[in-house]
PDB file of N, CA and C in Angstrom:
ATOM      1  N   MET A   1       0.851  -1.159   0.000  1.00  0.00           N
ATOM      2  CA  MET A   1       0.000   0.000   0.000  1.00  0.00           C
ATOM      3  C   MET A   1       0.904   1.232   0.000  1.00  0.00           C
ATOM      4  N   LYS A   2       0.587   2.177  -0.825  1.00  0.00           N
ATOM      5  CA  LYS A   2       1.415   3.377  -0.936  1.00  0.00           C
ATOM      6  C   LYS A   2       1.260   4.269   0.286  1.00  0.00           C
ATOM      7  N   LYS A   3       2.304   5.043   0.551  1.00  0.00           N
ATOM      8  CA  LYS A   3       2.330   5.919   1.722  1.00  0.00           C
ATOM      9  C   LYS A   3       1.167   6.911   1.711  1.00  0.00           C
ATOM     10  N   SER A   4       0.791   7.422   0.530  1.00  0.00           N
ATOM     11  CA  SER A   4      -0.310   8.382   0.460  1.00  0.00           C
ATOM     12  C   SER A   4      -1.638   7.744   0.874  1.00  0.00           C
ATOM     13  N   VAL A   5      -1.836   6.474   0.545  1.00  0.00           N
ATOM     14  CA  VAL A   5      -3.053   5.778   0.956  1.00  0.00           C
ATOM     15  C   VAL A   5      -3.053   5.610   2.473  1.00  0.00           C
ATOM     16  N   TRP A   6      -1.896   5.231   3.030  1.00  0.00           N
ATOM     17  CA  TRP A   6      -1.764   5.116   4.484  1.00  0.00           C
ATOM     18  C   TRP A   6      -2.096   6.452   5.147  1.00  0.00           C
ATOM     19  N   ASN A   7      -1.553   7.537   4.610  1.00  0.00           N
ATOM     20  CA  ASN A   7      -1.797   8.853   5.196  1.00  0.00           C
ATOM     21  C   ASN A   7      -3.275   9.198   5.166  1.00  0.00           C
ATOM     22  N   PHE A   8      -3.949   8.881   4.067  1.00  0.00           N
ATOM     23  CA  PHE A   8      -5.384   9.143   3.967  1.00  0.00           C
ATOM     24  C   PHE A   8      -6.152   8.335   5.009  1.00  0.00           C
ATOM     25  N   MET A   9      -5.822   7.035   5.125  1.00  0.00           N
ATOM     26  CA  MET A   9      -6.516   6.178   6.085  1.00  0.00           C
ATOM     27  C   MET A   9      -6.310   6.682   7.513  1.00  0.00           C
ATOM     28  N   LEU A  10      -5.088   7.046   7.828  1.00  0.00           N
ATOM     29  CA  LEU A  10      -4.798   7.502   9.178  1.00  0.00           C
ATOM     30  C   LEU A  10      -5.429   8.861   9.452  1.00  0.00           C
ATOM     31  N   SER A  11      -5.486   9.719   8.448  1.00  0.00           N
ATOM     32  CA  SER A  11      -6.152  11.010   8.614  1.00  0.00           C
ATOM     33  C   SER A  11      -7.630  10.795   8.907  1.00  0.00           C
ATOM     34  N   THR A  12      -8.226   9.832   8.237  1.00  0.00           N
ATOM     35  CA  THR A  12      -9.633   9.509   8.465  1.00  0.00           C
ATOM     36  C   THR A  12      -9.836   9.014   9.890  1.00  0.00           C
ATOM     37  N   ILE A  13      -8.947   8.123  10.345  1.00  0.00           N
ATOM     38  CA  ILE A  13      -9.046   7.612  11.716  1.00  0.00           C
ATOM     39  C   ILE A  13      -8.930   8.755  12.703  1.00  0.00           C
ATOM     40  N   MET A  14      -7.969   9.650  12.480  1.00  0.00           N
ATOM     41  CA  MET A  14      -7.787  10.773  13.389  1.00  0.00           C
ATOM     42  C   MET A  14      -9.005  11.691  13.361  1.00  0.00           C
ATOM     43  N   PHE A  15      -9.589  11.896  12.177  1.00  0.00           N
ATOM     44  CA  PHE A  15     -10.743  12.783  12.036  1.00  0.00           C
ATOM     45  C   PHE A  15     -11.936  12.268  12.831  1.00  0.00           C
ATOM     46  N   ILE A  16     -12.165  10.944  12.816  1.00  0.00           N
ATOM     47  CA  ILE A  16     -13.320  10.421  13.539  1.00  0.00           C
ATOM     48  C   ILE A  16     -13.027  10.264  15.030  1.00  0.00           C
ATOM     49  N   GLY A  17     -11.811  10.600  15.426  1.00  0.00           N
ATOM     50  CA  GLY A  17     -11.524  10.712  16.850  1.00  0.00           C
ATOM     51  C   GLY A  17     -11.086   9.456  17.553  1.00  0.00           C
ATOM     52  N   LEU A  18     -10.615   8.448  16.835  1.00  0.00           N
ATOM     53  CA  LEU A  18     -10.186   7.241  17.525  1.00  0.00           C
ATOM     54  C   LEU A  18      -8.910   7.457  18.327  1.00  0.00           C
ATOM     55  N   SER A  19      -7.945   8.128  17.745  1.00  0.00           N
ATOM     56  CA  SER A  19      -6.704   8.370  18.463  1.00  0.00           C
ATOM     57  C   SER A  19      -5.850   9.347  17.677  1.00  0.00           C
ATOM     58  N   PRO A  20      -5.315  10.368  18.332  1.00  0.00           N
ATOM     59  CA  PRO A  20      -4.438  11.295  17.627  1.00  0.00           C
ATOM     60  C   PRO A  20      -3.030  10.709  17.548  1.00  0.00           C
ATOM     61  N   VAL A  21      -2.673  10.174  16.413  1.00  0.00           N
ATOM     62  CA  VAL A  21      -1.355   9.563  16.255  1.00  0.00           C
ATOM     63  C   VAL A  21      -0.684  10.082  15.007  1.00  0.00           C
ATOM     64  N   GLN A  22       0.601   9.907  15.000  1.00  0.00           N
ATOM     65  CA  GLN A  22       1.384  10.216  13.813  1.00  0.00           C
ATOM     66  C   GLN A  22       2.181   8.954  13.533  1.00  0.00           C
ATOM     67  N   LEU A  23       1.926   8.323  12.419  1.00  0.00           N
ATOM     68  CA  LEU A  23       2.672   7.126  12.073  1.00  0.00           C
ATOM     69  C   LEU A  23       3.761   7.490  11.087  1.00  0.00           C
ATOM     70  N   ALA A  24       4.935   6.987  11.337  1.00  0.00           N
ATOM     71  CA  ALA A  24       6.054   7.228  10.435  1.00  0.00           C
ATOM     72  C   ALA A  24       6.615   5.888  10.025  1.00  0.00           C
ATOM     73  N   PHE A  25       6.834   5.705   8.755  1.00  0.00           N
ATOM     74  CA  PHE A  25       7.348   4.452   8.246  1.00  0.00           C
ATOM     75  C   PHE A  25       8.774   4.628   7.763  1.00  0.00           C
ATOM     76  N   SER A  26       9.574   3.630   8.017  1.00  0.00           N
ATOM     77  CA  SER A  26      10.940   3.647   7.531  1.00  0.00           C
ATOM     78  C   SER A  26      10.956   2.959   6.169  1.00  0.00           C
ATOM     79  N   ASP A  27      11.242   3.699   5.126  1.00  0.00           N
ATOM     80  CA  ASP A  27      11.307   3.217   3.745  1.00  0.00           C
ATOM     81  C   ASP A  27       9.941   2.851   3.188  1.00  0.00           C
ATOM     82  N   SER A  28       9.256   1.897   3.768  1.00  0.00           N
ATOM     83  CA  SER A  28       7.954   1.494   3.246  1.00  0.00           C
ATOM     84  C   SER A  28       7.088   1.010   4.400  1.00  0.00           C
ATOM     85  N   PRO A  29       5.755   1.051   4.236  1.00  0.00           N
ATOM     86  CA  PRO A  29       4.877   0.584   5.294  1.00  0.00           C
ATOM     87  C   PRO A  29       5.060  -0.913   5.525  1.00  0.00           C
ATOM     88  N   PRO A  30       4.727  -1.391   6.718  1.00  0.00           N
ATOM     89  CA  PRO A  30       4.826  -2.818   6.982  1.00  0.00           C
ATOM     90  C   PRO A  30       3.833  -3.582   6.131  1.00  0.00           C
ATOM     91  N   GLN A  31       4.059  -4.883   5.996  1.00  0.00           N
ATOM     92  CA  GLN A  31       3.161  -5.705   5.188  1.00  0.00           C
ATOM     93  C   GLN A  31       1.805  -5.857   5.853  1.00  0.00           C
ATOM     94  N   GLU A  32       1.749  -5.706   7.126  1.00  0.00           N
ATOM     95  CA  GLU A  32       0.525  -5.900   7.894  1.00  0.00           C
ATOM     96  C   GLU A  32       0.195  -4.598   8.615  1.00  0.00           C
ATOM     97  N   ASP A  33      -1.082  -4.252   8.680  1.00  0.00           N
ATOM     98  CA  ASP A  33      -1.485  -3.025   9.360  1.00  0.00           C
ATOM     99  C   ASP A  33      -1.459  -3.259  10.870  1.00  0.00           C
ATOM    100  N   LEU A  34      -0.517  -2.627  11.536  1.00  0.00           N
ATOM    101  CA  LEU A  34      -0.355  -2.797  12.977  1.00  0.00           C
ATOM    102  C   LEU A  34      -1.131  -1.775  13.791  1.00  0.00           C
ATOM    103  N   SER A  35      -1.699  -0.758  13.142  1.00  0.00           N
ATOM    104  CA  SER A  35      -2.316   0.327  13.911  1.00  0.00           C
ATOM    105  C   SER A  35      -3.446  -0.133  14.838  1.00  0.00           C
ATOM    106  N   PRO A  36      -4.365  -1.025  14.454  1.00  0.00           N
ATOM    107  CA  PRO A  36      -5.395  -1.439  15.427  1.00  0.00           C
ATOM    108  C   PRO A  36      -4.790  -2.111  16.661  1.00  0.00           C
ATOM    109  N   LEU A  37      -3.773  -2.940  16.454  1.00  0.00           N
ATOM    110  CA  LEU A  37      -3.110  -3.602  17.574  1.00  0.00           C
ATOM    111  C   LEU A  37      -2.409  -2.583  18.462  1.00  0.00           C
ATOM    112  N   ILE A  38      -1.729  -1.631  17.863  1.00  0.00           N
ATOM    113  CA  ILE A  38      -1.018  -0.609  18.629  1.00  0.00           C
ATOM    114  C   ILE A  38      -2.004   0.252  19.417  1.00  0.00           C
ATOM    115  N   PHE A  39      -3.114   0.657  18.799  1.00  0.00           N
ATOM    116  CA  PHE A  39      -4.124   1.437  19.522  1.00  0.00           C
ATOM    117  C   PHE A  39      -4.608   0.656  20.743  1.00  0.00           C
ATOM    118  N   LYS A  40      -4.835  -0.649  20.567  1.00  0.00           N
ATOM    119  CA  LYS A  40      -5.319  -1.502  21.652  1.00  0.00           C
ATOM    120  C   LYS A  40      -4.316  -1.566  22.794  1.00  0.00           C
ATOM    121  N   ILE A  41      -3.059  -1.857  22.485  1.00  0.00           N
ATOM    122  CA  ILE A  41      -2.107  -2.015  23.586  1.00  0.00           C
ATOM    123  C   ILE A  41      -1.805  -0.678  24.257  1.00  0.00           C
ATOM    124  N   GLU A  42      -1.847   0.418  23.497  1.00  0.00           N
ATOM    125  CA  GLU A  42      -1.581   1.711  24.119  1.00  0.00           C
ATOM    126  C   GLU A  42      -2.712   2.131  25.059  1.00  0.00           C
ATOM    127  N   LYS A  43      -3.902   1.595  24.867  1.00  0.00           N
ATOM    128  CA  LYS A  43      -4.999   1.849  25.807  1.00  0.00           C
ATOM    129  C   LYS A  43      -4.832   0.999  27.074  1.00  0.00           C
ATOM    130  N   GLU A  44      -4.257  -0.204  26.923  1.00  0.00           N
ATOM    131  CA  GLU A  44      -4.181  -1.167  28.021  1.00  0.00           C
ATOM    132  C   GLU A  44      -2.879  -1.111  28.820  1.00  0.00           C
ATOM    133  N   ILE A  45      -1.841  -0.549  28.257  1.00  0.00           N
ATOM    134  CA  ILE A  45      -0.520  -0.621  28.890  1.00  0.00           C
ATOM    135  C   ILE A  45      -0.500   0.073  30.253  1.00  0.00           C
ATOM    136  N   LYS A  46       0.198  -0.539  31.183  1.00  0.00           N
ATOM    137  CA  LYS A  46       0.462   0.083  32.484  1.00  0.00           C
ATOM    138  C   LYS A  46       1.921   0.492  32.441  1.00  0.00           C
ATOM    139  N   MET A  47       2.137   1.797  32.317  1.00  0.00           N
ATOM    140  CA  MET A  47       3.502   2.311  32.221  1.00  0.00           C
ATOM    141  C   MET A  47       4.224   2.078  33.553  1.00  0.00           C
ATOM    142  N   PRO A  48       5.535   1.848  33.490  1.00  0.00           N
ATOM    143  CA  PRO A  48       6.311   1.601  34.713  1.00  0.00           C
ATOM    144  C   PRO A  48       6.307   2.810  35.649  1.00  0.00           C
ATOM    145  N   ALA A  49       6.525   2.543  36.925  1.00  0.00           N
ATOM    146  CA  ALA A  49       6.684   3.627  37.901  1.00  0.00           C
ATOM    147  C   ALA A  49       7.839   4.509  37.441  1.00  0.00           C
ATOM    148  N   ASN A  50       7.716   5.782  37.661  1.00  0.00           N
ATOM    149  CA  ASN A  50       8.727   6.794  37.302  1.00  0.00           C
ATOM    150  C   ASN A  50       8.793   7.101  35.808  1.00  0.00           C
ATOM    151  N   SER A  51       7.963   6.473  34.997  1.00  0.00           N
ATOM    152  CA  SER A  51       7.936   6.823  33.575  1.00  0.00           C
ATOM    153  C   SER A  51       7.001   8.009  33.373  1.00  0.00           C
ATOM    154  N   LEU A  52       7.070   8.596  32.208  1.00  0.00           N
ATOM    155  CA  LEU A  52       6.216   9.727  31.855  1.00  0.00           C
ATOM    156  C   LEU A  52       4.916   9.224  31.247  1.00  0.00           C
ATOM    157  N   ALA A  53       4.008  10.132  30.954  1.00  0.00           N
ATOM    158  CA  ALA A  53       2.783   9.780  30.233  1.00  0.00           C
ATOM    159  C   ALA A  53       3.175   9.277  28.846  1.00  0.00           C
ATOM    160  N   ILE A  54       2.430   8.330  28.343  1.00  0.00           N
ATOM    161  CA  ILE A  54       2.773   7.685  27.074  1.00  0.00           C
ATOM    162  C   ILE A  54       2.907   8.687  25.922  1.00  0.00           C
ATOM    163  N   ASP A  55       2.140   9.772  25.956  1.00  0.00           N
ATOM    164  CA  ASP A  55       2.193  10.735  24.854  1.00  0.00           C
ATOM    165  C   ASP A  55       3.451  11.604  24.868  1.00  0.00           C
ATOM    166  N   LYS A  56       4.300  11.436  25.855  1.00  0.00           N
ATOM    167  CA  LYS A  56       5.575  12.167  25.920  1.00  0.00           C
ATOM    168  C   LYS A  56       6.706  11.401  25.224  1.00  0.00           C
ATOM    169  N   TYR A  57       6.392  10.217  24.719  1.00  0.00           N
ATOM    170  CA  TYR A  57       7.400   9.360  24.104  1.00  0.00           C
ATOM    171  C   TYR A  57       7.182   9.236  22.597  1.00  0.00           C
ATOM    172  N   ALA A  58       8.287   9.124  21.869  1.00  0.00           N
ATOM    173  CA  ALA A  58       8.249   8.633  20.492  1.00  0.00           C
ATOM    174  C   ALA A  58       8.214   7.124  20.648  1.00  0.00           C
ATOM    175  N   ARG A  59       7.181   6.481  20.079  1.00  0.00           N
ATOM    176  CA  ARG A  59       6.959   5.060  20.307  1.00  0.00           C
ATOM    177  C   ARG A  59       7.240   4.291  19.022  1.00  0.00           C
ATOM    178  N   TYR A  60       8.321   3.523  19.054  1.00  0.00           N
ATOM    179  CA  TYR A  60       8.780   2.766  17.885  1.00  0.00           C
ATOM    180  C   TYR A  60       8.331   1.319  18.037  1.00  0.00           C
ATOM    181  N   TYR A  61       7.720   0.782  16.982  1.00  0.00           N
ATOM    182  CA  TYR A  61       7.207  -0.584  17.019  1.00  0.00           C
ATOM    183  C   TYR A  61       7.716  -1.389  15.831  1.00  0.00           C
ATOM    184  N   VAL A  62       7.903  -2.673  16.087  1.00  0.00           N
ATOM    185  CA  VAL A  62       8.234  -3.625  15.033  1.00  0.00           C
ATOM    186  C   VAL A  62       7.609  -4.960  15.413  1.00  0.00           C
ATOM    187  N   LEU A  63       7.130  -5.684  14.416  1.00  0.00           N
ATOM    188  CA  LEU A  63       6.575  -7.012  14.630  1.00  0.00           C
ATOM    189  C   LEU A  63       7.709  -8.015  14.500  1.00  0.00           C
ATOM    190  N   SER A  64       7.807  -8.920  15.457  1.00  0.00           N
ATOM    191  CA  SER A  64       8.923  -9.853  15.508  1.00  0.00           C
ATOM    192  C   SER A  64       8.408 -11.271  15.702  1.00  0.00           C
ATOM    193  N   ASN A  65       9.199 -12.234  15.273  1.00  0.00           N
ATOM    194  CA  ASN A  65       8.904 -13.639  15.522  1.00  0.00           C
ATOM    195  C   ASN A  65       9.990 -14.151  16.453  1.00  0.00           C
ATOM    196  N   GLU A  66       9.616 -14.425  17.698  1.00  0.00           N
ATOM    197  CA  GLU A  66      10.570 -14.873  18.701  1.00  0.00           C
ATOM    198  C   GLU A  66      10.273 -16.322  19.052  1.00  0.00           C
ATOM    199  N   LYS A  67      11.060 -17.229  18.489  1.00  0.00           N
ATOM    200  CA  LYS A  67      10.898 -18.671  18.741  1.00  0.00           C
ATOM    201  C   LYS A  67       9.472 -19.116  18.441  1.00  0.00           C
ATOM    202  N   GLY A  68       8.933 -18.659  17.327  1.00  0.00           N
ATOM    203  CA  GLY A  68       7.599 -19.049  16.902  1.00  0.00           C
ATOM    204  C   GLY A  68       6.472 -18.243  17.525  1.00  0.00           C
ATOM    205  N   ILE A  69       6.814 -17.283  18.372  1.00  0.00           N
ATOM    206  CA  ILE A  69       5.799 -16.444  19.008  1.00  0.00           C
ATOM    207  C   ILE A  69       5.797 -15.086  18.318  1.00  0.00           C
ATOM    208  N   LYS A  70       4.623 -14.662  17.871  1.00  0.00           N
ATOM    209  CA  LYS A  70       4.476 -13.355  17.226  1.00  0.00           C
ATOM    210  C   LYS A  70       4.439 -12.285  18.306  1.00  0.00           C
ATOM    211  N   VAL A  71       5.463 -11.423  18.312  1.00  0.00           N
ATOM    212  CA  VAL A  71       5.625 -10.429  19.368  1.00  0.00           C
ATOM    213  C   VAL A  71       5.702  -9.037  18.756  1.00  0.00           C
ATOM    214  N   LEU A  72       4.921  -8.121  19.312  1.00  0.00           N
ATOM    215  CA  LEU A  72       5.058  -6.714  18.961  1.00  0.00           C
ATOM    216  C   LEU A  72       6.060  -6.129  19.945  1.00  0.00           C
ATOM    217  N   VAL A  73       7.169  -5.630  19.419  1.00  0.00           N
ATOM    218  CA  VAL A  73       8.232  -5.063  20.238  1.00  0.00           C
ATOM    219  C   VAL A  73       8.145  -3.553  20.128  1.00  0.00           C
ATOM    220  N   GLY A  74       8.175  -2.889  21.276  1.00  0.00           N
ATOM    221  CA  GLY A  74       8.124  -1.435  21.289  1.00  0.00           C
ATOM    222  C   GLY A  74       9.275  -0.853  22.087  1.00  0.00           C
ATOM    223  N   THR A  75       9.834   0.213  21.571  1.00  0.00           N
ATOM    224  CA  THR A  75      10.812   1.003  22.312  1.00  0.00           C
ATOM    225  C   THR A  75      10.270   2.424  22.347  1.00  0.00           C
ATOM    226  N   TYR A  76      10.030   2.914  23.551  1.00  0.00           N
ATOM    227  CA  TYR A  76       9.514   4.264  23.735  1.00  0.00           C
ATOM    228  C   TYR A  76      10.686   5.144  24.181  1.00  0.00           C
ATOM    229  N   ARG A  77      10.913   6.222  23.466  1.00  0.00           N
ATOM    230  CA  ARG A  77      12.009   7.136  23.784  1.00  0.00           C
ATOM    231  C   ARG A  77      11.420   8.511  24.091  1.00  0.00           C
ATOM    232  N   HIS A  78      11.772   9.069  25.260  1.00  0.00           N
ATOM    233  CA  HIS A  78      11.254  10.392  25.619  1.00  0.00           C
ATOM    234  C   HIS A  78      11.721  11.390  24.576  1.00  0.00           C
ATOM    235  N   ASP A  79      10.761  11.952  23.852  1.00  0.00           N
ATOM    236  CA  ASP A  79      11.065  12.885  22.768  1.00  0.00           C
ATOM    237  C   ASP A  79       9.769  13.588  22.407  1.00  0.00           C
ATOM    238  N   GLU A  80       9.485  14.692  23.083  1.00  0.00           N
ATOM    239  CA  GLU A  80       8.214  15.377  22.876  1.00  0.00           C
ATOM    240  C   GLU A  80       8.084  15.976  21.485  1.00  0.00           C
ATOM    241  N   LYS A  81       9.200  16.283  20.829  1.00  0.00           N
ATOM    242  CA  LYS A  81       9.141  16.844  19.474  1.00  0.00           C
ATOM    243  C   LYS A  81       8.712  15.803  18.451  1.00  0.00           C
ATOM    244  N   ASN A  82       9.090  14.540  18.672  1.00  0.00           N
ATOM    245  CA  ASN A  82       8.750  13.463  17.728  1.00  0.00           C
ATOM    246  C   ASN A  82       7.839  12.429  18.372  1.00  0.00           C
ATOM    247  N   SER A  83       7.067  12.847  19.376  1.00  0.00           N
ATOM    248  CA  SER A  83       6.199  11.877  20.038  1.00  0.00           C
ATOM    249  C   SER A  83       5.181  11.342  19.039  1.00  0.00           C
ATOM    250  N   GLY A  84       4.665  10.187  19.346  1.00  0.00           N
ATOM    251  CA  GLY A  84       3.714   9.537  18.459  1.00  0.00           C
ATOM    252  C   GLY A  84       4.196   8.153  18.113  1.00  0.00           C
ATOM    253  N   ILE A  85       3.490   7.521  17.213  1.00  0.00           N
ATOM    254  CA  ILE A  85       3.768   6.138  16.825  1.00  0.00           C
ATOM    255  C   ILE A  85       4.619   6.116  15.574  1.00  0.00           C
ATOM    256  N   HIS A  86       5.655   5.286  15.613  1.00  0.00           N
ATOM    257  CA  HIS A  86       6.551   5.099  14.474  1.00  0.00           C
ATOM    258  C   HIS A  86       6.686   3.598  14.240  1.00  0.00           C
ATOM    259  N   ILE A  87       6.177   3.106  13.120  1.00  0.00           N
ATOM    260  CA  ILE A  87       6.319   1.699  12.775  1.00  0.00           C
ATOM    261  C   ILE A  87       7.554   1.585  11.895  1.00  0.00           C
ATOM    262  N   VAL A  88       8.522   0.799  12.360  1.00  0.00           N
ATOM    263  CA  VAL A  88       9.818   0.765  11.696  1.00  0.00           C
ATOM    264  C   VAL A  88      10.226  -0.662  11.347  1.00  0.00           C
ATOM    265  N   ARG A  89      11.251  -0.756  10.547  1.00  0.00           N
ATOM    266  CA  ARG A  89      11.871  -2.046  10.255  1.00  0.00           C
ATOM    267  C   ARG A  89      12.718  -2.446  11.467  1.00  0.00           C
ATOM    268  N   PRO A  90      12.957  -3.736  11.651  1.00  0.00           N
ATOM    269  CA  PRO A  90      13.727  -4.183  12.823  1.00  0.00           C
ATOM    270  C   PRO A  90      15.068  -3.471  12.984  1.00  0.00           C
ATOM    271  N   GLU A  91      15.756  -3.203  11.893  1.00  0.00           N
ATOM    272  CA  GLU A  91      17.071  -2.561  11.990  1.00  0.00           C
ATOM    273  C   GLU A  91      16.975  -1.086  12.396  1.00  0.00           C
ATOM    274  N   ASN A  92      15.774  -0.515  12.388  1.00  0.00           N
ATOM    275  CA  ASN A  92      15.609   0.906  12.716  1.00  0.00           C
ATOM    276  C   ASN A  92      14.991   1.169  14.081  1.00  0.00           C
ATOM    277  N   ILE A  93      14.719   0.115  14.840  1.00  0.00           N
ATOM    278  CA  ILE A  93      14.178   0.347  16.184  1.00  0.00           C
ATOM    279  C   ILE A  93      15.328   0.834  17.071  1.00  0.00           C
ATOM    280  N   PRO A  94      15.100   1.863  17.879  1.00  0.00           N
ATOM    281  CA  PRO A  94      16.191   2.385  18.713  1.00  0.00           C
ATOM    282  C   PRO A  94      16.766   1.310  19.639  1.00  0.00           C
ATOM    283  N   GLN A  95      18.063   1.274  19.744  1.00  0.00           N
ATOM    284  CA  GLN A  95      18.772   0.361  20.650  1.00  0.00           C
ATOM    285  C   GLN A  95      19.497   1.214  21.687  1.00  0.00           C
ATOM    286  N   VAL A  96      18.926   1.314  22.866  1.00  0.00           N
ATOM    287  CA  VAL A  96      19.502   2.136  23.931  1.00  0.00           C
ATOM    288  C   VAL A  96      19.680   1.240  25.151  1.00  0.00           C
ATOM    289  N   MET A  97      20.873   1.266  25.738  1.00  0.00           N
ATOM    290  CA  MET A  97      21.169   0.357  26.846  1.00  0.00           C
ATOM    291  C   MET A  97      21.005   0.987  28.232  1.00  0.00           C
ATOM    292  N   ASP A  98      20.853   2.301  28.299  1.00  0.00           N
ATOM    293  CA  ASP A  98      20.646   2.945  29.584  1.00  0.00           C
ATOM    294  C   ASP A  98      19.613   4.049  29.413  1.00  0.00           C
ATOM    295  N   GLY A  99      19.553   4.998  30.310  1.00  0.00           N
ATOM    296  CA  GLY A  99      18.612   6.109  30.150  1.00  0.00           C
ATOM    297  C   GLY A  99      17.454   6.083  31.114  1.00  0.00           C
ATOM    298  N   GLY A 100      17.398   5.054  31.968  1.00  0.00           N
ATOM    299  CA  GLY A 100      16.305   4.981  32.937  1.00  0.00           C
ATOM    300  C   GLY A 100      14.951   4.995  32.250  1.00  0.00           C
ATOM    301  N   CYS A 101      14.005   5.727  32.826  1.00  0.00           N
ATOM    302  CA  CYS A 101      12.648   5.753  32.268  1.00  0.00           C
ATOM    303  C   CYS A 101      12.484   6.733  31.118  1.00  0.00           C
ATOM    304  N   SER A 102      13.591   7.292  30.613  1.00  0.00           N
ATOM    305  CA  SER A 102      13.474   8.031  29.356  1.00  0.00           C
ATOM    306  C   SER A 102      13.344   7.031  28.201  1.00  0.00           C
ATOM    307  N   ILE A 103      13.611   5.754  28.498  1.00  0.00           N
ATOM    308  CA  ILE A 103      13.417   4.655  27.547  1.00  0.00           C
ATOM    309  C   ILE A 103      12.538   3.608  28.213  1.00  0.00           C
ATOM    310  N   VAL A 104      11.438   3.245  27.553  1.00  0.00           N
ATOM    311  CA  VAL A 104      10.564   2.181  28.046  1.00  0.00           C
ATOM    312  C   VAL A 104      10.528   1.094  26.980  1.00  0.00           C
ATOM    313  N   ASN A 105      10.680  -0.147  27.412  1.00  0.00           N
ATOM    314  CA  ASN A 105      10.673  -1.300  26.509  1.00  0.00           C
ATOM    315  C   ASN A 105       9.393  -2.097  26.696  1.00  0.00           C
ATOM    316  N   VAL A 106       8.810  -2.515  25.583  1.00  0.00           N
ATOM    317  CA  VAL A 106       7.535  -3.240  25.604  1.00  0.00           C
ATOM    318  C   VAL A 106       7.664  -4.473  24.720  1.00  0.00           C
ATOM    319  N   ARG A 107       7.165  -5.590  25.225  1.00  0.00           N
ATOM    320  CA  ARG A 107       7.034  -6.806  24.412  1.00  0.00           C
ATOM    321  C   ARG A 107       5.633  -7.347  24.658  1.00  0.00           C
ATOM    322  N   TYR A 108       4.881  -7.558  23.560  1.00  0.00           N
ATOM    323  CA  TYR A 108       3.469  -7.945  23.643  1.00  0.00           C
ATOM    324  C   TYR A 108       3.241  -9.169  22.777  1.00  0.00           C
ATOM    325  N   ASP A 109       2.707 -10.245  23.378  1.00  0.00           N
ATOM    326  CA  ASP A 109       2.378 -11.473  22.654  1.00  0.00           C
ATOM    327  C   ASP A 109       1.086 -11.240  21.882  1.00  0.00           C
ATOM    328  N   VAL A 110       1.183 -11.217  20.563  1.00  0.00           N
ATOM    329  CA  VAL A 110       0.052 -10.873  19.701  1.00  0.00           C
ATOM    330  C   VAL A 110      -1.033 -11.941  19.739  1.00  0.00           C
ATOM    331  N   VAL A 111      -0.668 -13.215  19.808  1.00  0.00           N
ATOM    332  CA  VAL A 111      -1.650 -14.298  19.790  1.00  0.00           C
ATOM    333  C   VAL A 111      -2.360 -14.425  21.135  1.00  0.00           C
ATOM    334  N   ARG A 112      -1.596 -14.443  22.218  1.00  0.00           N
ATOM    335  CA  ARG A 112      -2.198 -14.593  23.550  1.00  0.00           C
ATOM    336  C   ARG A 112      -2.773 -13.284  24.081  1.00  0.00           C
ATOM    337  N   LYS A 113      -2.407 -12.148  23.441  1.00  0.00           N
ATOM    338  CA  LYS A 113      -2.912 -10.815  23.821  1.00  0.00           C
ATOM    339  C   LYS A 113      -2.549 -10.462  25.259  1.00  0.00           C
ATOM    340  N   VAL A 114      -1.256 -10.652  25.565  1.00  0.00           N
ATOM    341  CA  VAL A 114      -0.754 -10.314  26.896  1.00  0.00           C
ATOM    342  C   VAL A 114       0.590  -9.595  26.754  1.00  0.00           C
ATOM    343  N   PHE A 115       0.850  -8.724  27.724  1.00  0.00           N
ATOM    344  CA  PHE A 115       2.156  -8.080  27.783  1.00  0.00           C
ATOM    345  C   PHE A 115       3.149  -9.070  28.365  1.00  0.00           C
ATOM    346  N   LEU A 116       4.261  -9.244  27.687  1.00  0.00           N
ATOM    347  CA  LEU A 116       5.330 -10.099  28.188  1.00  0.00           C
ATOM    348  C   LEU A 116       6.260  -9.296  29.093  1.00  0.00           C
ATOM    349  N   GLU A 117       6.530  -8.049  28.704  1.00  0.00           N
ATOM    350  CA  GLU A 117       7.395  -7.177  29.482  1.00  0.00           C
ATOM    351  C   GLU A 117       7.040  -5.716  29.214  1.00  0.00           C
ATOM    352  N   VAL A 118       7.116  -4.916  30.248  1.00  0.00           N
ATOM    353  CA  VAL A 118       7.050  -3.455  30.134  1.00  0.00           C
ATOM    354  C   VAL A 118       7.994  -2.946  31.223  1.00  0.00           C
ATOM    355  N   PHE A 119       9.117  -2.326  30.823  1.00  0.00           N
ATOM    356  CA  PHE A 119      10.093  -1.899  31.812  1.00  0.00           C
ATOM    357  C   PHE A 119      10.923  -0.734  31.306  1.00  0.00           C
ATOM    358  N   CYS A 120      11.443   0.020  32.272  1.00  0.00           N
ATOM    359  CA  CYS A 120      12.374   1.107  31.959  1.00  0.00           C
ATOM    360  C   CYS A 120      13.779   0.532  31.826  1.00  0.00           C
ATOM    361  N   ASN A 121      14.624   1.218  31.072  1.00  0.00           N
ATOM    362  CA  ASN A 121      16.028   0.846  31.014  1.00  0.00           C
ATOM    363  C   ASN A 121      16.688   1.132  32.354  1.00  0.00           C
ATOM    364  N   GLY A 122      17.841   0.535  32.532  1.00  0.00           N
ATOM    365  CA  GLY A 122      18.654   0.835  33.704  1.00  0.00           C
ATOM    366  C   GLY A 122      19.388   2.154  33.486  1.00  0.00           C
ATOM    367  N   VAL A 123      20.172   2.532  34.470  1.00  0.00           N
ATOM    368  CA  VAL A 123      20.970   3.758  34.379  1.00  0.00           C
ATOM    369  C   VAL A 123      22.422   3.365  34.563  1.00  0.00           C
ATOM    370  N   SER A 124      23.288   3.827  33.639  1.00  0.00           N
ATOM    371  CA  SER A 124      24.707   3.455  33.760  1.00  0.00           C
ATOM    372  C   SER A 124      25.456   4.413  34.647  1.00  0.00           C
TER     373      SER A 124
END
């Protein structure tokens, strides 16, 4: 699906008031539409203690296959200028090893519909 079609669909979703999001794709959109799943988990997620409100983060997502389990992996990076949802290729998801709760990591089992992990990074 072309980027302009994605933009139209997302503009329509935003217009009817489901969720104010900004989706950014790296190179090309994913093969599967992840936005309904992302909207669902962002409503259900319990952010870690000491983290900020979810809308203060740039939220990067990628769909992964971990030992046969379909997992939505998210890395949330505190960045109010680029906050919103960013669906990226695996090689473009931020890799940060410290930063405390300025980085939140999420792993969600798509089939079982449960959070596997939600945690802040450590601090070096």
